[in-house]
Amino acid sequence: MPIAYFICPDGKKTKILSCLNKCHMRERCMFLPTLRAIASSSDRKLFKPSVTELITGTREIYLKRTNEYP
């Protein structure tokens, strides 16, 4: 599963779509195009493991693929 939350500067977890639609803080912590780029790069829709995943620990990759994480 891809990353599901952003962690805001105030420490709150915010769903990515919620953050992109409307920030709960007075002003955004980053520019909106930057946040969109981070969100789109986190879910690359790869079905086979990437080179980076192959050199990462097996348990870590398993957890990232099966659980939502911030």
C-alpha atoms as a PDB file:
ATOM      1  CA  MET A   1       0.000   0.000   0.000  1.00  0.00           C
ATOM      2  CA  PRO A   2       1.238   3.444  -0.688  1.00  0.00           C
ATOM      3  CA  ILE A   3       1.782   6.132   1.859  1.00  0.00           C
ATOM      4  CA  ALA A   4      -1.575   7.384   3.127  1.00  0.00           C
ATOM      5  CA  TYR A   5      -0.853  10.383   5.349  1.00  0.00           C
ATOM      6  CA  PHE A   6       1.258  13.495   5.522  1.00  0.00           C
ATOM      7  CA  ILE A   7       2.527  14.540   8.934  1.00  0.00           C
ATOM      8  CA  CYS A   8       1.948  18.272   9.334  1.00  0.00           C
ATOM      9  CA  PRO A   9       4.341  20.654  11.128  1.00  0.00           C
ATOM     10  CA  ASP A  10       1.953  20.687  14.108  1.00  0.00           C
ATOM     11  CA  GLY A  11       2.372  16.889  14.406  1.00  0.00           C
ATOM     12  CA  LYS A  12      -1.096  15.885  13.151  1.00  0.00           C
ATOM     13  CA  LYS A  13      -1.508  13.106  10.583  1.00  0.00           C
ATOM     14  CA  THR A  14      -3.583  14.292   7.627  1.00  0.00           C
ATOM     15  CA  LYS A  15      -4.913  12.140   4.793  1.00  0.00           C
ATOM     16  CA  ILE A  16      -3.126  13.100   1.587  1.00  0.00           C
ATOM     17  CA  LEU A  17      -6.289  13.930  -0.389  1.00  0.00           C
ATOM     18  CA  SER A  18      -7.598  16.016   2.495  1.00  0.00           C
ATOM     19  CA  CYS A  19      -4.321  17.929   2.631  1.00  0.00           C
ATOM     20  CA  LEU A  20      -4.301  18.567  -1.114  1.00  0.00           C
ATOM     21  CA  ASN A  21      -7.916  19.784  -1.094  1.00  0.00           C
ATOM     22  CA  LYS A  22      -7.717  22.099   1.917  1.00  0.00           C
ATOM     23  CA  CYS A  23      -5.003  22.578   4.499  1.00  0.00           C
ATOM     24  CA  HIS A  24      -6.223  22.573   8.107  1.00  0.00           C
ATOM     25  CA  MET A  25      -3.508  25.026   9.129  1.00  0.00           C
ATOM     26  CA  ARG A  26      -3.593  28.760   8.531  1.00  0.00           C
ATOM     27  CA  GLU A  27      -1.163  28.444   5.626  1.00  0.00           C
ATOM     28  CA  ARG A  28       0.416  25.506   3.839  1.00  0.00           C
ATOM     29  CA  CYS A  29       3.742  24.124   4.984  1.00  0.00           C
ATOM     30  CA  MET A  30       4.830  23.589   1.344  1.00  0.00           C
ATOM     31  CA  PHE A  31       3.681  24.797  -2.042  1.00  0.00           C
ATOM     32  CA  LEU A  32       0.731  22.831  -3.454  1.00  0.00           C
ATOM     33  CA  PRO A  33       2.606  21.635  -6.598  1.00  0.00           C
ATOM     34  CA  THR A  34       5.349  20.226  -4.348  1.00  0.00           C
ATOM     35  CA  LEU A  35       2.810  18.352  -2.217  1.00  0.00           C
ATOM     36  CA  ARG A  36       1.142  16.969  -5.359  1.00  0.00           C
ATOM     37  CA  ALA A  37       4.506  15.770  -6.681  1.00  0.00           C
ATOM     38  CA  ILE A  38       5.289  14.014  -3.392  1.00  0.00           C
ATOM     39  CA  ALA A  39       1.855  12.363  -3.360  1.00  0.00           C
ATOM     40  CA  SER A  40       2.114  11.147  -6.957  1.00  0.00           C
ATOM     41  CA  SER A  41       5.669   9.836  -6.545  1.00  0.00           C
ATOM     42  CA  SER A  42       4.694   7.765  -3.515  1.00  0.00           C
ATOM     43  CA  ASP A  43       2.310   5.514  -5.491  1.00  0.00           C
ATOM     44  CA  ARG A  44       4.142   4.401  -8.608  1.00  0.00           C
ATOM     45  CA  LYS A  45       1.842   1.410  -9.243  1.00  0.00           C
ATOM     46  CA  LEU A  46       4.714  -1.029  -9.665  1.00  0.00           C
ATOM     47  CA  PHE A  47       3.785  -4.690  -9.432  1.00  0.00           C
ATOM     48  CA  LYS A  48       7.304  -6.064  -9.536  1.00  0.00           C
ATOM     49  CA  PRO A  49       9.869  -5.004  -6.932  1.00  0.00           C
ATOM     50  CA  SER A  50      12.100  -2.059  -7.791  1.00  0.00           C
ATOM     51  CA  VAL A  51      15.883  -2.104  -7.377  1.00  0.00           C
ATOM     52  CA  THR A  52      15.558  -0.041  -4.199  1.00  0.00           C
ATOM     53  CA  GLU A  53      13.097  -2.551  -2.766  1.00  0.00           C
ATOM     54  CA  LEU A  54      15.451  -5.418  -3.568  1.00  0.00           C
ATOM     55  CA  ILE A  55      18.245  -3.913  -1.475  1.00  0.00           C
ATOM     56  CA  THR A  56      15.906  -3.012   1.412  1.00  0.00           C
ATOM     57  CA  GLY A  57      15.006  -5.419   4.197  1.00  0.00           C
ATOM     58  CA  THR A  58      12.358  -8.027   3.396  1.00  0.00           C
ATOM     59  CA  ARG A  59      10.206  -7.254   6.441  1.00  0.00           C
ATOM     60  CA  GLU A  60      10.249  -3.520   5.793  1.00  0.00           C
ATOM     61  CA  ILE A  61       9.090  -3.947   2.186  1.00  0.00           C
ATOM     62  CA  TYR A  62       6.406  -6.441   3.232  1.00  0.00           C
ATOM     63  CA  LEU A  63       5.030  -3.991   5.799  1.00  0.00           C
ATOM     64  CA  LYS A  64       5.107  -1.075   3.329  1.00  0.00           C
ATOM     65  CA  ARG A  65       3.203  -3.113   0.739  1.00  0.00           C
ATOM     66  CA  THR A  66       0.562  -4.421   3.145  1.00  0.00           C
ATOM     67  CA  ASN A  67      -0.055  -1.466   5.529  1.00  0.00           C
ATOM     68  CA  GLU A  68      -0.788   2.213   5.199  1.00  0.00           C
ATOM     69  CA  TYR A  69       1.956   4.337   6.696  1.00  0.00           C
ATOM     70  CA  PRO A  70       2.724   8.048   7.148  1.00  0.00           C
END
